[in-house]
């Protein structure tokens, strides 16, 4: 299949479904090439639509230490 930039949730879900179908593709096959492309496209979509919060590692450690006494 010819993949392009994922711009909708429908495209994203379709790409994820296909990724799961070919996840164990043999190296150096067309499916392996497709898998690499899908990983990049899905990662790009995730970064554009599901931003992770920025965390201060030191603050997280301090909070966990306080939780444990």
N, C-alpha and C. Protein backbone atom coordinates (compact mmCIF):
# COMPACT_ATOMS: atom_id res chain seq x y z
N UNK A 1 0.85 -1.18 0.00
CA UNK A 1 0.00 0.00 0.00
C UNK A 1 0.88 1.23 0.00
N UNK A 2 0.42 2.28 -0.63
CA UNK A 2 1.14 3.54 -0.65
C UNK A 2 0.63 4.42 0.49
N UNK A 3 1.46 4.58 1.50
CA UNK A 3 1.09 5.36 2.67
C UNK A 3 1.47 6.82 2.48
N UNK A 4 0.74 7.71 3.15
CA UNK A 4 1.06 9.13 3.16
C UNK A 4 0.88 9.64 4.58
N UNK A 5 1.17 10.89 4.80
CA UNK A 5 1.08 11.48 6.14
C UNK A 5 -0.31 11.22 6.72
N UNK A 6 -0.36 10.79 7.97
CA UNK A 6 -1.62 10.49 8.65
C UNK A 6 -2.21 11.80 9.17
N UNK A 7 -3.39 12.17 8.65
CA UNK A 7 -4.01 13.43 9.05
C UNK A 7 -5.32 13.27 9.79
N UNK A 8 -5.80 12.06 9.91
CA UNK A 8 -7.06 11.84 10.62
C UNK A 8 -6.94 10.63 11.54
N UNK A 9 -7.85 10.58 12.49
CA UNK A 9 -7.89 9.44 13.41
C UNK A 9 -8.17 8.15 12.64
N UNK A 10 -8.97 8.25 11.58
CA UNK A 10 -9.28 7.08 10.75
C UNK A 10 -8.00 6.55 10.09
N UNK A 11 -7.20 7.45 9.51
CA UNK A 11 -5.93 7.04 8.90
C UNK A 11 -4.99 6.43 9.94
N UNK A 12 -4.95 7.06 11.11
CA UNK A 12 -4.10 6.61 12.22
C UNK A 12 -4.48 5.19 12.64
N UNK A 13 -5.77 4.95 12.81
CA UNK A 13 -6.24 3.62 13.22
C UNK A 13 -5.95 2.57 12.15
N UNK A 14 -6.12 2.95 10.89
CA UNK A 14 -5.84 2.04 9.79
C UNK A 14 -4.35 1.67 9.77
N UNK A 15 -3.49 2.66 9.98
CA UNK A 15 -2.05 2.42 10.00
C UNK A 15 -1.66 1.52 11.18
N UNK A 16 -2.25 1.76 12.34
CA UNK A 16 -1.96 0.93 13.51
C UNK A 16 -2.40 -0.51 13.29
N UNK A 17 -3.55 -0.68 12.68
CA UNK A 17 -4.05 -2.03 12.40
C UNK A 17 -3.09 -2.77 11.46
N UNK A 18 -2.66 -2.08 10.42
CA UNK A 18 -1.73 -2.70 9.47
C UNK A 18 -0.39 -3.00 10.14
N UNK A 19 0.08 -2.09 10.98
CA UNK A 19 1.33 -2.31 11.70
C UNK A 19 1.26 -3.60 12.51
N UNK A 20 0.16 -3.82 13.18
CA UNK A 20 0.01 -5.03 13.99
C UNK A 20 -0.01 -6.29 13.11
N UNK A 21 -0.55 -6.17 11.91
CA UNK A 21 -0.61 -7.32 11.00
C UNK A 21 0.79 -7.73 10.51
N UNK A 22 1.68 -6.75 10.34
CA UNK A 22 3.00 -7.06 9.76
C UNK A 22 4.13 -6.86 10.77
N UNK A 23 3.81 -6.80 12.04
CA UNK A 23 4.79 -6.48 13.07
C UNK A 23 6.01 -7.40 13.05
N UNK A 24 5.82 -8.65 12.72
CA UNK A 24 6.92 -9.62 12.72
C UNK A 24 7.41 -9.91 11.30
N UNK A 25 7.42 -8.89 10.47
CA UNK A 25 7.86 -9.06 9.09
C UNK A 25 9.33 -9.49 9.04
N UNK A 26 9.63 -10.34 8.09
CA UNK A 26 11.01 -10.78 7.89
C UNK A 26 11.84 -9.60 7.39
N UNK A 27 13.10 -9.49 7.85
CA UNK A 27 13.97 -8.41 7.39
C UNK A 27 14.15 -8.43 5.86
N UNK A 28 14.33 -7.24 5.31
CA UNK A 28 14.61 -7.08 3.87
C UNK A 28 13.50 -7.59 2.97
N UNK A 29 12.25 -7.40 3.42
CA UNK A 29 11.09 -7.76 2.60
C UNK A 29 10.26 -6.49 2.40
N UNK A 30 9.35 -6.51 1.44
CA UNK A 30 8.48 -5.34 1.26
C UNK A 30 7.68 -5.02 2.53
N UNK A 31 7.27 -6.05 3.26
CA UNK A 31 6.52 -5.82 4.50
C UNK A 31 7.40 -5.15 5.55
N UNK A 32 8.67 -5.50 5.59
CA UNK A 32 9.61 -4.86 6.51
C UNK A 32 9.77 -3.38 6.17
N UNK A 33 9.86 -3.07 4.88
CA UNK A 33 9.93 -1.67 4.45
C UNK A 33 8.66 -0.92 4.85
N UNK A 34 7.52 -1.56 4.62
CA UNK A 34 6.24 -0.95 4.98
C UNK A 34 6.16 -0.72 6.49
N UNK A 35 6.65 -1.68 7.25
CA UNK A 35 6.65 -1.55 8.71
C UNK A 35 7.45 -0.32 9.15
N UNK A 36 8.61 -0.12 8.57
CA UNK A 36 9.42 1.04 8.90
C UNK A 36 8.72 2.34 8.59
N UNK A 37 8.05 2.40 7.46
CA UNK A 37 7.30 3.60 7.08
C UNK A 37 6.16 3.84 8.05
N UNK A 38 5.43 2.78 8.38
CA UNK A 38 4.30 2.92 9.31
C UNK A 38 4.76 3.40 10.68
N UNK A 39 5.88 2.90 11.17
CA UNK A 39 6.39 3.33 12.46
C UNK A 39 6.65 4.83 12.44
N UNK A 40 7.28 5.32 11.38
CA UNK A 40 7.57 6.76 11.27
C UNK A 40 6.29 7.59 11.18
N UNK A 41 5.33 7.13 10.38
CA UNK A 41 4.08 7.88 10.23
C UNK A 41 3.28 7.92 11.53
N UNK A 42 3.23 6.80 12.23
CA UNK A 42 2.49 6.74 13.50
C UNK A 42 3.18 7.60 14.55
N UNK A 43 4.49 7.55 14.61
CA UNK A 43 5.24 8.39 15.55
C UNK A 43 4.99 9.86 15.28
N UNK A 44 5.02 10.25 14.00
CA UNK A 44 4.74 11.63 13.63
C UNK A 44 3.35 12.06 14.07
N UNK A 45 2.35 11.22 13.82
CA UNK A 45 0.98 11.54 14.21
C UNK A 45 0.87 11.68 15.73
N UNK A 46 1.48 10.75 16.45
CA UNK A 46 1.45 10.79 17.92
C UNK A 46 2.05 12.10 18.43
N UNK A 47 3.19 12.50 17.88
CA UNK A 47 3.85 13.72 18.33
C UNK A 47 3.04 14.96 18.04
N UNK A 48 2.29 14.95 16.94
CA UNK A 48 1.47 16.12 16.58
C UNK A 48 0.15 16.18 17.35
N UNK A 49 -0.37 15.03 17.79
CA UNK A 49 -1.71 15.01 18.39
C UNK A 49 -1.76 14.62 19.87
N UNK A 50 -0.73 13.99 20.38
CA UNK A 50 -0.74 13.52 21.76
C UNK A 50 0.52 13.97 22.49
N UNK A 51 0.62 15.26 22.73
CA UNK A 51 1.81 15.79 23.39
C UNK A 51 1.88 15.32 24.84
N UNK A 52 3.06 14.86 25.22
CA UNK A 52 3.28 14.43 26.61
C UNK A 52 3.68 15.65 27.44
N UNK A 53 3.25 15.70 28.69
CA UNK A 53 3.61 16.85 29.52
C UNK A 53 5.12 16.85 29.81
N UNK A 54 5.66 18.04 29.92
CA UNK A 54 7.07 18.18 30.28
C UNK A 54 7.18 18.02 31.79
N UNK A 55 8.04 17.12 32.23
CA UNK A 55 8.21 16.85 33.65
C UNK A 55 9.60 17.25 34.11
N UNK A 56 9.65 17.79 35.32
CA UNK A 56 10.93 18.08 35.95
C UNK A 56 11.31 16.83 36.73
N UNK A 57 12.33 16.14 36.29
CA UNK A 57 12.71 14.87 36.88
C UNK A 57 13.00 15.01 38.37
N UNK A 58 13.67 16.06 38.76
CA UNK A 58 14.01 16.28 40.16
C UNK A 58 12.74 16.43 41.01
N UNK A 59 11.74 17.14 40.49
CA UNK A 59 10.48 17.30 41.22
C UNK A 59 9.75 15.97 41.37
N UNK A 60 9.78 15.15 40.36
CA UNK A 60 9.15 13.83 40.43
C UNK A 60 9.82 12.98 41.50
N UNK A 61 11.15 13.01 41.53
CA UNK A 61 11.89 12.24 42.54
C UNK A 61 11.56 12.73 43.94
N UNK A 62 11.53 14.05 44.13
CA UNK A 62 11.19 14.62 45.44
C UNK A 62 9.79 14.20 45.87
N UNK A 63 8.84 14.24 44.95
CA UNK A 63 7.47 13.86 45.27
C UNK A 63 7.39 12.38 45.66
N UNK A 64 8.08 11.53 44.93
CA UNK A 64 8.08 10.10 45.27
C UNK A 64 8.74 9.85 46.62
N UNK A 65 9.78 10.59 46.92
CA UNK A 65 10.45 10.44 48.22
C UNK A 65 9.50 10.85 49.34
N UNK A 66 8.72 11.92 49.14
CA UNK A 66 7.78 12.36 50.17
C UNK A 66 6.67 11.32 50.36
N UNK A 67 6.22 10.71 49.26
CA UNK A 67 5.19 9.68 49.34
C UNK A 67 5.65 8.51 50.20
N UNK A 68 6.92 8.19 50.12
CA UNK A 68 7.45 7.04 50.85
C UNK A 68 7.97 7.38 52.23
N UNK A 69 7.93 8.66 52.56
CA UNK A 69 8.33 9.07 53.89
C UNK A 69 9.76 9.27 53.95
